């Protein structure tokens, strides 16, 4: 951050509000559950940008908190880091699992804002390196094979500024290759397999310039026979008062987590963007 300050590029303000995405749980620019092809921050192709965020997800029996930051470089590349802290609740009372995620993303084609007269979306390739810091505690006992994993994904995001009903719409789809059990909270790989291709998607409609509603879906690899792993889904509302702040709330359905089925609950995220 000190280096960016002396470059004089920190005052990034050249993009439309929310076109740097929200903060995905693992730190990438996107929705709450899945990355988008958008690059974090307000920076144009001549500026740096970025964001800082904290998110909490509270289903009935667990709590997941994630905080992190992302740096957008000339609206072309993105670097991110985040830390996930998971309370095991009644499963193992008083115990937690921590994970660190480091991500990178590269926009390879298209511009979601500028290319309104073209059919193709903005495309990006990304990766997320994850390290479970408590692997030898619960994940290994459940049959997970590794403490470290690497997710690789491709995202396609299309923004329709004059879409149906006269509103702006965002549609995004992601294909991910992963072996992460519950995002990596329960380690990587297992007795049922390792890397699998899974799908993710988001649809968002901007009812006003400051309020957006949407939904997301994220498949999971389901590598552990000890506990079934279900897909994640949510219904989201975001308040974006200006280019620099967003507050997101959601109702989440996380399915089966460890020994508890049908885990549903609230999701909240606060993000500062520059």
Protein backbone atom coordinates (compact mmCIF):
# COMPACT_ATOMS: atom_id res chain seq x y z
CA UNK A 1 0.00 0.00 0.00
CA UNK A 2 2.87 2.39 0.74
CA UNK A 3 4.32 1.71 -2.71
CA UNK A 4 0.97 2.37 -4.36
CA UNK A 5 0.65 5.64 -2.49
CA UNK A 6 3.89 7.04 -3.87
CA UNK A 7 2.98 6.00 -7.40
CA UNK A 8 0.09 8.47 -7.35
CA UNK A 9 -2.36 5.90 -8.70
CA UNK A 10 -4.27 5.20 -5.51
CA UNK A 11 -7.10 7.64 -6.28
CA UNK A 12 -8.77 5.20 -8.63
CA UNK A 13 -12.24 6.44 -9.47
CA UNK A 14 -12.72 5.87 -13.17
CA UNK A 15 -15.18 2.98 -13.20
CA UNK A 16 -18.89 2.67 -12.53
CA UNK A 17 -19.95 1.69 -9.03
CA UNK A 18 -19.97 -2.10 -8.41
CA UNK A 19 -18.15 -2.92 -11.67
CA UNK A 20 -15.30 -4.26 -9.54
CA UNK A 21 -17.67 -6.82 -8.07
CA UNK A 22 -18.38 -7.56 -4.44
CA UNK A 23 -16.11 -9.68 -2.23
CA UNK A 24 -16.29 -13.45 -2.63
CA UNK A 25 -15.65 -15.54 0.51
CA UNK A 26 -12.14 -16.46 -0.62
CA UNK A 27 -11.20 -12.89 -1.50
CA UNK A 28 -11.71 -12.64 -5.26
CA UNK A 29 -13.93 -10.00 -6.83
CA UNK A 30 -17.34 -11.55 -7.46
CA UNK A 31 -20.48 -12.42 -5.58
CA UNK A 32 -20.45 -13.74 -2.05
CA UNK A 33 -20.07 -17.39 -3.05
CA UNK A 34 -18.44 -17.35 -6.47
CA UNK A 35 -15.85 -15.26 -8.35
CA UNK A 36 -16.71 -13.15 -11.38
CA UNK A 37 -14.53 -12.21 -14.35
CA UNK A 38 -14.49 -8.61 -13.05
CA UNK A 39 -11.29 -7.17 -11.57
CA UNK A 40 -11.40 -5.77 -8.02
CA UNK A 41 -11.49 -2.04 -7.34
CA UNK A 42 -12.36 1.17 -9.14
CA UNK A 43 -9.16 1.39 -11.18
CA UNK A 44 -9.23 1.83 -14.96
CA UNK A 45 -6.66 0.44 -17.38
CA UNK A 46 -4.27 3.15 -16.16
CA UNK A 47 -4.89 2.83 -12.43
CA UNK A 48 -4.58 0.53 -9.48
CA UNK A 49 -7.67 -0.26 -7.43
CA UNK A 50 -8.78 -2.71 -4.81
CA UNK A 51 -10.95 -3.53 -1.84
CA UNK A 52 -10.94 -4.63 1.78
CA UNK A 53 -13.77 -6.77 3.19
CA UNK A 54 -15.08 -8.82 6.08
CA UNK A 55 -17.84 -11.42 5.80
CA UNK A 56 -19.70 -13.54 8.34
CA UNK A 57 -21.90 -16.56 7.56
CA UNK A 58 -24.00 -17.99 10.38
CA UNK A 59 -25.96 -21.17 9.67
CA UNK A 60 -27.70 -22.89 12.57
CA UNK A 61 -24.74 -24.81 14.02
CA UNK A 62 -21.59 -23.11 12.70
CA UNK A 63 -19.97 -19.72 12.08
CA UNK A 64 -17.63 -18.84 9.22
CA UNK A 65 -15.82 -15.51 9.13
CA UNK A 66 -13.60 -14.35 6.27
CA UNK A 67 -11.64 -11.10 5.96
CA UNK A 68 -9.24 -10.07 3.25
CA UNK A 69 -8.17 -7.66 0.54
CA UNK A 70 -7.76 -7.59 -3.22
CA UNK A 71 -5.60 -5.46 -5.51
CA UNK A 72 -6.66 -4.67 -9.08
CA UNK A 73 -3.84 -3.84 -11.49
CA UNK A 74 -4.80 -1.75 -14.55
CA UNK A 75 -8.19 -3.50 -14.71
CA UNK A 76 -6.30 -6.49 -16.11
CA UNK A 77 -4.94 -8.51 -13.17
CA UNK A 78 -6.01 -9.11 -9.60
CA UNK A 79 -4.18 -10.35 -6.51
CA UNK A 80 -6.06 -11.27 -3.33
CA UNK A 81 -5.48 -12.65 0.14
CA UNK A 82 -8.02 -13.73 2.74
CA UNK A 83 -8.29 -15.64 5.99
CA UNK A 84 -11.19 -17.92 6.90
CA UNK A 85 -12.02 -18.71 10.54
CA UNK A 86 -14.56 -21.51 11.12
CA UNK A 87 -16.21 -22.30 14.47
CA UNK A 88 -17.12 -25.98 14.71
CA UNK A 89 -20.06 -25.32 17.01
CA UNK A 90 -21.65 -28.38 18.61
CA UNK A 91 -19.67 -30.75 16.37
CA UNK A 92 -16.50 -30.16 18.42
CA UNK A 93 -17.40 -27.61 21.08
CA UNK A 94 -15.03 -24.68 21.46
CA UNK A 95 -12.79 -25.65 18.52
CA UNK A 96 -12.02 -23.75 15.32
CA UNK A 97 -10.36 -24.29 11.95
CA UNK A 98 -8.37 -21.59 10.15
CA UNK A 99 -7.43 -21.30 6.49
CA UNK A 100 -5.49 -18.81 4.39
CA UNK A 101 -6.27 -18.24 0.70
CA UNK A 102 -4.07 -16.43 -1.82
CA UNK A 103 -5.62 -15.72 -5.20
CA UNK A 104 -4.74 -14.36 -8.62
CA UNK A 105 -6.92 -13.53 -11.61
CA UNK A 106 -6.20 -12.40 -15.18
CA UNK A 107 -8.72 -10.83 -17.56
CA UNK A 108 -8.12 -12.42 -20.94
CA UNK A 109 -10.98 -11.14 -23.10
CA UNK A 110 -13.72 -8.55 -23.21
CA UNK A 111 -14.86 -5.65 -21.06
CA UNK A 112 -18.14 -6.10 -19.20
CA UNK A 113 -18.93 -2.37 -19.31
CA UNK A 114 -17.59 -1.22 -22.68
CA UNK A 115 -18.69 -4.21 -24.77
CA UNK A 116 -22.43 -3.54 -24.60
CA UNK A 117 -22.84 -3.98 -28.37
CA UNK A 118 -21.01 -7.31 -28.44
CA UNK A 119 -22.36 -10.72 -27.53
CA UNK A 120 -19.29 -12.09 -25.81
CA UNK A 121 -18.75 -11.68 -22.05
CA UNK A 122 -15.72 -10.62 -20.09
CA UNK A 123 -13.55 -13.70 -19.53
CA UNK A 124 -10.97 -14.30 -16.81
CA UNK A 125 -8.78 -17.13 -15.56
CA UNK A 126 -7.99 -17.42 -11.87
CA UNK A 127 -6.46 -19.55 -9.17
CA UNK A 128 -6.77 -19.79 -5.40
CA UNK A 129 -4.04 -21.39 -3.33
CA UNK A 130 -5.35 -22.53 0.04
CA UNK A 131 -3.63 -23.74 3.19
CA UNK A 132 -5.59 -25.32 6.03
CA UNK A 133 -3.76 -24.45 9.24
CA UNK A 134 -5.55 -27.06 11.37
CA UNK A 135 -5.42 -30.01 8.99
CA UNK A 136 -4.17 -32.54 11.56
CA UNK A 137 -7.11 -31.86 13.86
CA UNK A 138 -10.45 -32.63 12.15
CA UNK A 139 -9.82 -32.79 8.37
CA UNK A 140 -7.29 -35.65 8.54
CA UNK A 141 -9.55 -37.63 10.89
CA UNK A 142 -12.40 -37.34 8.37
CA UNK A 143 -10.26 -38.75 5.56
CA UNK A 144 -8.95 -35.63 3.84
CA UNK A 145 -5.61 -36.17 2.11
CA UNK A 146 -3.91 -32.77 2.06
CA UNK A 147 -3.56 -29.55 4.04
CA UNK A 148 -2.90 -27.53 0.87
CA UNK A 149 -4.92 -27.28 -2.34
CA UNK A 150 -5.08 -25.25 -5.53
CA UNK A 151 -8.36 -24.23 -7.19
CA UNK A 152 -8.19 -23.18 -10.84
CA UNK A 153 -11.20 -21.53 -12.46
CA UNK A 154 -12.49 -19.76 -15.55
CA UNK A 155 -15.23 -17.12 -15.24
CA UNK A 156 -17.44 -15.47 -17.85
CA UNK A 157 -19.37 -12.35 -16.81
CA UNK A 158 -21.80 -10.31 -18.91
CA UNK A 159 -23.22 -6.95 -17.82
CA UNK A 160 -26.37 -5.65 -19.53
CA UNK A 161 -26.69 -1.95 -18.71
CA UNK A 162 -30.09 -1.77 -20.45
CA UNK A 163 -31.45 -5.22 -19.77
CA UNK A 164 -34.94 -6.64 -19.25
CA UNK A 165 -37.46 -4.38 -17.46
CA UNK A 166 -35.19 -1.42 -18.14
CA UNK A 167 -32.75 -2.52 -15.42
CA UNK A 168 -29.06 -3.37 -15.40
CA UNK A 169 -28.37 -7.10 -15.12
CA UNK A 170 -25.23 -9.09 -14.42
CA UNK A 171 -24.92 -12.77 -15.33
CA UNK A 172 -21.83 -14.78 -14.45
CA UNK A 173 -20.77 -18.42 -14.81
CA UNK A 174 -17.66 -20.14 -13.48
CA UNK A 175 -16.09 -23.55 -14.02
CA UNK A 176 -13.74 -24.58 -11.22
CA UNK A 177 -11.31 -27.47 -10.84
CA UNK A 178 -11.02 -28.18 -7.13
CA UNK A 179 -10.45 -30.81 -4.47
CA UNK A 180 -11.40 -28.50 -1.58
CA UNK A 181 -13.79 -29.98 0.98
CA UNK A 182 -16.15 -27.24 2.24
CA UNK A 183 -13.96 -24.56 0.61
CA UNK A 184 -10.91 -26.27 2.14
CA UNK A 185 -12.13 -25.95 5.73
CA UNK A 186 -12.22 -29.77 5.86
CA UNK A 187 -8.99 -30.20 3.91
CA UNK A 188 -8.42 -31.34 0.35
CA UNK A 189 -9.12 -34.61 -1.43
CA UNK A 190 -10.54 -37.69 0.21
CA UNK A 191 -11.41 -41.35 -0.02
CA UNK A 192 -13.99 -40.66 -2.78
CA UNK A 193 -11.58 -38.82 -5.05
CA UNK A 194 -9.57 -35.68 -5.57
CA UNK A 195 -9.89 -32.99 -8.22
CA UNK A 196 -13.27 -32.51 -9.84
CA UNK A 197 -14.82 -29.93 -12.17
CA UNK A 198 -17.73 -28.04 -10.60
CA UNK A 199 -20.00 -25.24 -11.79
CA UNK A 200 -20.94 -21.92 -10.21
CA UNK A 201 -23.21 -19.08 -11.25
CA UNK A 202 -24.68 -15.70 -10.31
CA UNK A 203 -27.57 -13.54 -11.55
CA UNK A 204 -27.93 -9.98 -10.23
CA UNK A 205 -30.39 -7.22 -11.11
CA UNK A 206 -29.87 -3.57 -10.14
CA UNK A 207 -33.29 -2.23 -9.14
CA UNK A 208 -31.73 1.18 -8.61
CA UNK A 209 -28.21 2.54 -8.94
CA UNK A 210 -27.69 1.67 -5.29
CA UNK A 211 -29.67 -1.53 -4.64
CA UNK A 212 -29.06 -4.93 -6.24
CA UNK A 213 -30.83 -8.27 -5.77
CA UNK A 214 -29.56 -11.61 -6.92
CA UNK A 215 -28.94 -15.28 -6.40
CA UNK A 216 -25.93 -17.60 -6.53
CA UNK A 217 -25.23 -21.31 -6.81
CA UNK A 218 -21.97 -23.20 -6.20
CA UNK A 219 -21.38 -26.91 -6.69
CA UNK A 220 -19.01 -28.83 -4.38
CA UNK A 221 -16.71 -31.83 -5.06
CA UNK A 222 -18.07 -34.18 -2.31
CA UNK A 223 -14.81 -36.13 -1.77
CA UNK A 224 -15.42 -37.41 1.78
CA UNK A 225 -17.62 -40.42 2.45
CA UNK A 226 -17.72 -39.52 6.17
CA UNK A 227 -19.99 -36.53 5.48
CA UNK A 228 -21.93 -35.64 2.34
CA UNK A 229 -21.08 -32.25 0.83
CA UNK A 230 -23.92 -30.31 -0.80
CA UNK A 231 -23.96 -27.32 -3.11
CA UNK A 232 -24.15 -23.78 -1.71
CA UNK A 233 -26.88 -21.32 -2.72
CA UNK A 234 -28.02 -17.89 -1.60
CA UNK A 235 -30.42 -15.02 -2.21
CA UNK A 236 -28.66 -11.66 -1.93
CA UNK A 237 -29.44 -7.97 -1.48
CA UNK A 238 -26.65 -5.37 -1.72
CA UNK A 239 -26.72 -1.71 -0.84
CA UNK A 240 -24.08 0.29 -2.73
CA UNK A 241 -24.40 3.92 -1.58
CA UNK A 242 -21.36 5.07 -3.58
CA UNK A 243 -18.27 3.79 -5.37
CA UNK A 244 -16.43 3.10 -2.14
CA UNK A 245 -18.78 1.13 0.10
CA UNK A 246 -21.11 -1.83 -0.16
CA UNK A 247 -23.12 -3.71 2.43
CA UNK A 248 -24.47 -7.12 1.45
CA UNK A 249 -26.92 -9.38 3.23
CA UNK A 250 -28.09 -12.81 2.16
CA UNK A 251 -30.07 -15.85 3.11
CA UNK A 252 -27.83 -18.86 2.55
CA UNK A 253 -28.51 -22.57 2.09
CA UNK A 254 -25.26 -24.45 2.69
CA UNK A 255 -26.79 -27.92 2.76
CA UNK A 256 -25.05 -30.64 4.75
CA UNK A 257 -22.03 -29.55 6.81
CA UNK A 258 -20.27 -32.27 8.83
CA UNK A 259 -22.91 -34.01 10.98
CA UNK A 260 -25.65 -31.39 10.48
CA UNK A 261 -27.99 -31.34 7.48
CA UNK A 262 -29.89 -28.42 5.95
CA UNK A 263 -27.65 -25.66 7.28
CA UNK A 264 -29.34 -22.34 6.53
CA UNK A 265 -28.75 -18.88 7.91
CA UNK A 266 -27.70 -15.28 7.47
CA UNK A 267 -24.77 -13.88 5.52
CA UNK A 268 -23.42 -10.33 5.90
CA UNK A 269 -20.49 -8.62 4.21
CA UNK A 270 -19.01 -5.12 4.43
CA UNK A 271 -16.66 -3.93 1.69
CA UNK A 272 -14.59 -0.79 1.16
CA UNK A 273 -13.48 -0.17 -2.43
CA UNK A 274 -10.89 2.22 -3.86
